[in-house]
Amino acid sequence: MTVLVLAEFHKIAGDALVNLEILRRMGLDILEVTSEQQWKKQRRLLKDCDFLIDGLLGTGLNSPVRGLYGWVIEELNRANKPLTAIDIPSGLNATRGRSWESQCKPT
C-alpha cells in the first residue's frame, strides 16, 4: 500500500501526525507530495490501485479548492476507482451538502 501525503512531513501536527506515525509503524510506503510536479510523477499510481482513501480535507472547507489539492481531487474523482472518504469527501461543502466540484479547478 502506498500513501501520498500532500504536506511537508515536518509541518504535520496533531491528529494527522499521530496517524502518520501509525502508518509508518505499519511499514507502509509513504510519499511526500508537495507540488504539482511531484503529483504528476505519482499520479500514475492511480492506474494500479484497487481503491482510494480520501483524507485530504476535513469539514472546515469554506471555499473552492485550488492548486495542488484541486488537481488531486479532480483526478481522484476521474480515476474510476472505489473511493472512501475518512470524514467527508474533499471538495464537498459540509454545510450545504453540495459539491464544490465545478469550482475545484487547478489554478
N, C-alpha and C. Protein backbone atom coordinates (compact mmCIF):
# COMPACT_ATOMS: atom_id res chain seq x y z
N MET A 1 0.85 -1.17 0.00
CA MET A 1 0.00 0.00 0.00
C MET A 1 0.90 1.24 0.00
N THR A 2 0.49 2.22 -0.77
CA THR A 2 1.23 3.48 -0.84
C THR A 2 0.33 4.61 -0.36
N VAL A 3 0.88 5.48 0.47
CA VAL A 3 0.16 6.64 0.99
C VAL A 3 0.84 7.88 0.44
N LEU A 4 0.07 8.75 -0.19
CA LEU A 4 0.59 10.03 -0.66
C LEU A 4 0.12 11.10 0.32
N VAL A 5 1.07 11.82 0.88
CA VAL A 5 0.77 12.87 1.85
C VAL A 5 1.01 14.21 1.17
N LEU A 6 -0.04 15.03 1.09
CA LEU A 6 0.06 16.32 0.39
C LEU A 6 0.45 17.42 1.36
N ALA A 7 1.52 17.19 2.07
CA ALA A 7 2.05 18.17 3.03
C ALA A 7 3.49 17.80 3.33
N GLU A 8 4.24 18.78 3.76
CA GLU A 8 5.62 18.51 4.19
C GLU A 8 5.55 17.78 5.53
N PHE A 9 6.24 16.66 5.61
CA PHE A 9 6.18 15.84 6.82
C PHE A 9 6.46 16.65 8.08
N HIS A 10 7.45 17.53 8.04
CA HIS A 10 7.84 18.27 9.25
C HIS A 10 6.79 19.29 9.68
N LYS A 11 5.81 19.57 8.84
CA LYS A 11 4.74 20.52 9.20
C LYS A 11 3.48 19.84 9.71
N ILE A 12 3.47 18.53 9.71
CA ILE A 12 2.29 17.79 10.15
C ILE A 12 2.25 17.74 11.67
N ALA A 13 1.07 18.00 12.24
CA ALA A 13 0.92 18.05 13.70
C ALA A 13 -0.43 17.45 14.09
N GLY A 14 -0.65 17.34 15.38
CA GLY A 14 -1.94 16.92 15.92
C GLY A 14 -2.33 15.52 15.50
N ASP A 15 -3.63 15.33 15.25
CA ASP A 15 -4.16 14.02 14.87
C ASP A 15 -3.51 13.49 13.59
N ALA A 16 -3.22 14.40 12.65
CA ALA A 16 -2.59 13.97 11.40
C ALA A 16 -1.23 13.35 11.67
N LEU A 17 -0.46 13.92 12.59
CA LEU A 17 0.85 13.38 12.93
C LEU A 17 0.71 12.02 13.62
N VAL A 18 -0.24 11.90 14.52
CA VAL A 18 -0.48 10.62 15.20
C VAL A 18 -0.75 9.54 14.16
N ASN A 19 -1.61 9.84 13.20
CA ASN A 19 -1.96 8.85 12.19
C ASN A 19 -0.81 8.59 11.22
N LEU A 20 -0.02 9.60 10.91
CA LEU A 20 1.17 9.40 10.08
C LEU A 20 2.13 8.43 10.77
N GLU A 21 2.32 8.59 12.06
CA GLU A 21 3.20 7.69 12.81
C GLU A 21 2.67 6.26 12.82
N ILE A 22 1.37 6.12 12.90
CA ILE A 22 0.77 4.78 12.83
C ILE A 22 1.08 4.14 11.48
N LEU A 23 0.91 4.90 10.41
CA LEU A 23 1.21 4.38 9.07
C LEU A 23 2.68 4.00 8.94
N ARG A 24 3.55 4.81 9.51
CA ARG A 24 4.98 4.49 9.47
C ARG A 24 5.28 3.19 10.20
N ARG A 25 4.67 3.01 11.37
CA ARG A 25 4.90 1.78 12.14
C ARG A 25 4.34 0.55 11.43
N MET A 26 3.34 0.77 10.58
CA MET A 26 2.77 -0.32 9.79
C MET A 26 3.68 -0.70 8.62
N GLY A 27 4.69 0.12 8.36
CA GLY A 27 5.63 -0.18 7.29
C GLY A 27 5.13 0.17 5.90
N LEU A 28 4.17 1.06 5.81
CA LEU A 28 3.64 1.45 4.51
C LEU A 28 4.59 2.38 3.78
N ASP A 29 4.49 2.37 2.48
CA ASP A 29 5.26 3.28 1.63
C ASP A 29 4.57 4.64 1.67
N ILE A 30 5.21 5.63 2.27
CA ILE A 30 4.62 6.96 2.45
C ILE A 30 5.44 7.97 1.68
N LEU A 31 4.79 8.67 0.76
CA LEU A 31 5.48 9.63 -0.09
C LEU A 31 4.96 11.04 0.16
N GLU A 32 5.88 11.96 0.29
CA GLU A 32 5.54 13.38 0.46
C GLU A 32 5.34 13.99 -0.93
N VAL A 33 4.17 14.58 -1.16
CA VAL A 33 3.86 15.23 -2.43
C VAL A 33 3.44 16.66 -2.12
N THR A 34 4.29 17.61 -2.47
CA THR A 34 4.01 19.00 -2.08
C THR A 34 3.98 19.96 -3.26
N SER A 35 4.00 19.42 -4.47
CA SER A 35 3.94 20.30 -5.63
C SER A 35 3.19 19.59 -6.75
N GLU A 36 2.71 20.37 -7.70
CA GLU A 36 2.02 19.78 -8.83
C GLU A 36 2.96 18.90 -9.64
N GLN A 37 4.23 19.25 -9.70
CA GLN A 37 5.21 18.43 -10.42
C GLN A 37 5.36 17.06 -9.75
N GLN A 38 5.43 17.04 -8.42
CA GLN A 38 5.53 15.77 -7.71
C GLN A 38 4.26 14.94 -7.90
N TRP A 39 3.11 15.61 -7.88
CA TRP A 39 1.84 14.90 -8.10
C TRP A 39 1.83 14.25 -9.48
N LYS A 40 2.27 14.99 -10.49
CA LYS A 40 2.27 14.45 -11.85
C LYS A 40 3.13 13.19 -11.95
N LYS A 41 4.20 13.11 -11.16
CA LYS A 41 5.05 11.91 -11.14
C LYS A 41 4.37 10.75 -10.43
N GLN A 42 3.57 11.03 -9.41
CA GLN A 42 2.97 9.98 -8.59
C GLN A 42 1.58 9.55 -9.04
N ARG A 43 0.91 10.37 -9.83
CA ARG A 43 -0.48 10.05 -10.19
C ARG A 43 -0.60 8.76 -10.99
N ARG A 44 0.50 8.28 -11.54
CA ARG A 44 0.50 7.00 -12.24
C ARG A 44 0.04 5.87 -11.32
N LEU A 45 0.20 6.07 -10.02
CA LEU A 45 -0.21 5.06 -9.04
C LEU A 45 -1.72 4.83 -9.08
N LEU A 46 -2.48 5.81 -9.53
CA LEU A 46 -3.94 5.67 -9.58
C LEU A 46 -4.36 4.52 -10.49
N LYS A 47 -3.61 4.30 -11.57
CA LYS A 47 -3.97 3.25 -12.52
C LYS A 47 -3.91 1.86 -11.90
N ASP A 48 -2.94 1.64 -11.02
CA ASP A 48 -2.70 0.30 -10.49
C ASP A 48 -3.36 0.02 -9.16
N CYS A 49 -4.01 1.01 -8.57
CA CYS A 49 -4.58 0.78 -7.24
C CYS A 49 -5.96 0.13 -7.34
N ASP A 50 -6.35 -0.53 -6.26
CA ASP A 50 -7.66 -1.17 -6.19
C ASP A 50 -8.72 -0.23 -5.63
N PHE A 51 -8.32 0.68 -4.74
CA PHE A 51 -9.24 1.63 -4.15
C PHE A 51 -8.47 2.85 -3.65
N LEU A 52 -9.20 3.92 -3.38
CA LEU A 52 -8.61 5.17 -2.90
C LEU A 52 -9.22 5.56 -1.57
N ILE A 53 -8.42 6.15 -0.72
CA ILE A 53 -8.92 6.69 0.55
C ILE A 53 -8.63 8.18 0.55
N ASP A 54 -9.67 8.97 0.71
CA ASP A 54 -9.57 10.43 0.71
C ASP A 54 -9.50 10.92 2.15
N GLY A 55 -8.33 11.42 2.51
CA GLY A 55 -8.15 12.04 3.82
C GLY A 55 -7.54 13.42 3.64
N LEU A 56 -7.87 14.08 2.53
CA LEU A 56 -7.22 15.34 2.18
C LEU A 56 -7.68 16.52 3.03
N LEU A 57 -8.96 16.78 3.02
CA LEU A 57 -9.51 17.96 3.70
C LEU A 57 -10.60 17.51 4.67
N GLY A 58 -10.79 18.26 5.70
CA GLY A 58 -11.82 17.93 6.67
C GLY A 58 -13.09 18.73 6.45
N THR A 59 -13.85 18.88 7.51
CA THR A 59 -15.14 19.54 7.42
C THR A 59 -15.05 21.06 7.46
N GLY A 60 -13.88 21.61 7.63
CA GLY A 60 -13.73 23.05 7.74
C GLY A 60 -13.63 23.79 6.41
N LEU A 61 -13.78 23.08 5.31
CA LEU A 61 -13.67 23.71 3.99
C LEU A 61 -14.71 24.81 3.84
N ASN A 62 -14.26 26.01 3.46
CA ASN A 62 -15.20 27.11 3.31
C ASN A 62 -14.97 27.90 2.02
N SER A 63 -14.29 27.29 1.07
CA SER A 63 -14.04 27.96 -0.21
C SER A 63 -13.70 26.92 -1.26
N PRO A 64 -13.73 27.31 -2.52
CA PRO A 64 -13.35 26.38 -3.58
C PRO A 64 -11.91 25.90 -3.39
N VAL A 65 -11.64 24.70 -3.85
CA VAL A 65 -10.31 24.11 -3.72
C VAL A 65 -9.50 24.46 -4.96
N ARG A 66 -8.27 24.91 -4.75
CA ARG A 66 -7.41 25.34 -5.86
C ARG A 66 -6.03 24.68 -5.75
N GLY A 67 -5.23 24.90 -6.76
CA GLY A 67 -3.84 24.45 -6.74
C GLY A 67 -3.71 22.95 -6.67
N LEU A 68 -2.71 22.49 -5.93
CA LEU A 68 -2.40 21.07 -5.82
C LEU A 68 -3.62 20.26 -5.39
N TYR A 69 -4.32 20.72 -4.37
CA TYR A 69 -5.49 19.98 -3.89
C TYR A 69 -6.56 19.91 -4.97
N GLY A 70 -6.75 20.97 -5.73
CA GLY A 70 -7.70 20.95 -6.83
C GLY A 70 -7.36 19.92 -7.88
N TRP A 71 -6.07 19.86 -8.24
CA TRP A 71 -5.61 18.86 -9.21
C TRP A 71 -5.90 17.45 -8.69
N VAL A 72 -5.51 17.20 -7.46
CA VAL A 72 -5.64 15.86 -6.89
C VAL A 72 -7.11 15.45 -6.78
N ILE A 73 -7.95 16.32 -6.25
CA ILE A 73 -9.36 15.99 -6.10
C ILE A 73 -9.98 15.69 -7.45
N GLU A 74 -9.68 16.49 -8.43
CA GLU A 74 -10.23 16.29 -9.76
C GLU A 74 -9.80 14.93 -10.33
N GLU A 75 -8.53 14.59 -10.17
CA GLU A 75 -8.05 13.32 -10.71
C GLU A 75 -8.55 12.12 -9.91
N LEU A 76 -8.70 12.26 -8.60
CA LEU A 76 -9.27 11.17 -7.82
C LEU A 76 -10.70 10.90 -8.26
N ASN A 77 -11.45 11.96 -8.51
CA ASN A 77 -12.84 11.79 -8.93
C ASN A 77 -12.94 11.17 -10.33
N ARG A 78 -11.94 11.37 -11.17
CA ARG A 78 -11.95 10.80 -12.53
C ARG A 78 -11.30 9.42 -12.59
N ALA A 79 -10.72 8.95 -11.51
CA ALA A 79 -9.93 7.71 -11.53
C ALA A 79 -10.76 6.46 -11.78
N ASN A 80 -12.05 6.53 -11.61
CA ASN A 80 -12.92 5.38 -11.81
C ASN A 80 -12.52 4.21 -10.91
N LYS A 81 -12.20 4.55 -9.66
CA LYS A 81 -11.84 3.56 -8.64
C LYS A 81 -12.76 3.77 -7.44
N PRO A 82 -13.02 2.72 -6.66
CA PRO A 82 -13.77 2.93 -5.43
C PRO A 82 -13.04 3.95 -4.55
N LEU A 83 -13.78 4.91 -4.02
CA LEU A 83 -13.19 6.00 -3.23
C LEU A 83 -13.96 6.13 -1.92
N THR A 84 -13.23 6.07 -0.82
CA THR A 84 -13.82 6.23 0.51
C THR A 84 -13.18 7.43 1.18
N ALA A 85 -14.02 8.28 1.76
CA ALA A 85 -13.52 9.44 2.50
C ALA A 85 -13.44 9.11 3.98
N ILE A 86 -12.39 9.59 4.63
CA ILE A 86 -12.23 9.35 6.06
C ILE A 86 -13.34 10.05 6.84
N ASP A 87 -13.61 11.32 6.52
CA ASP A 87 -14.68 12.02 7.23
C ASP A 87 -15.73 12.57 6.28
N ILE A 88 -15.31 13.31 5.26
CA ILE A 88 -16.22 13.88 4.28
C ILE A 88 -15.43 13.98 2.97
N PRO A 89 -16.06 13.71 1.84
CA PRO A 89 -15.31 13.79 0.58
C PRO A 89 -14.70 15.18 0.39
N SER A 90 -13.42 15.22 0.04
CA SER A 90 -12.74 16.50 -0.17
C SER A 90 -13.42 17.28 -1.28
N GLY A 91 -13.61 18.57 -1.04
CA GLY A 91 -14.26 19.43 -2.02
C GLY A 91 -15.75 19.58 -1.78
N LEU A 92 -16.29 18.85 -0.82
CA LEU A 92 -17.72 18.94 -0.53
C LEU A 92 -17.97 20.02 0.51
N ASN A 93 -18.97 20.84 0.28
CA ASN A 93 -19.38 21.84 1.24
C ASN A 93 -20.20 21.11 2.30
N ALA A 94 -19.65 20.95 3.49
CA ALA A 94 -20.29 20.16 4.54
C ALA A 94 -21.59 20.79 5.04
N THR A 95 -21.71 22.10 4.98
CA THR A 95 -22.91 22.77 5.45
C THR A 95 -24.08 22.57 4.49
N ARG A 96 -23.79 22.70 3.20
CA ARG A 96 -24.84 22.60 2.20
C ARG A 96 -24.99 21.21 1.61
N GLY A 97 -23.99 20.36 1.82
CA GLY A 97 -24.05 19.02 1.27
C GLY A 97 -23.93 18.97 -0.24
N ARG A 98 -23.37 20.02 -0.81
CA ARG A 98 -23.19 20.08 -2.26
C ARG A 98 -21.71 20.10 -2.58
N SER A 99 -21.39 19.61 -3.75
CA SER A 99 -20.02 19.54 -4.18
C SER A 99 -19.51 20.90 -4.64
N TRP A 100 -18.25 21.16 -4.35
CA TRP A 100 -17.56 22.32 -4.90
C TRP A 100 -16.95 21.94 -6.26
N GLU A 101 -17.26 20.71 -6.73
CA GLU A 101 -16.56 20.14 -7.88
C GLU A 101 -16.43 21.10 -9.05
N SER A 102 -17.48 21.81 -9.38
CA SER A 102 -17.40 22.72 -10.52
C SER A 102 -16.41 23.86 -10.27
N GLN A 103 -16.08 24.07 -8.99
CA GLN A 103 -15.15 25.11 -8.64
C GLN A 103 -13.78 24.55 -8.28
N CYS A 104 -13.61 23.23 -8.31
CA CYS A 104 -12.34 22.58 -7.97
C CYS A 104 -11.46 22.52 -9.20
N LYS A 105 -11.08 23.64 -9.69
CA LYS A 105 -10.23 23.70 -10.88
C LYS A 105 -8.84 24.15 -10.47
N PRO A 106 -7.83 23.50 -11.02
CA PRO A 106 -6.47 23.92 -10.72
C PRO A 106 -6.24 25.34 -11.17
N THR A 107 -5.41 26.04 -10.44
CA THR A 107 -5.09 27.42 -10.82
C THR A 107 -3.81 27.46 -11.60
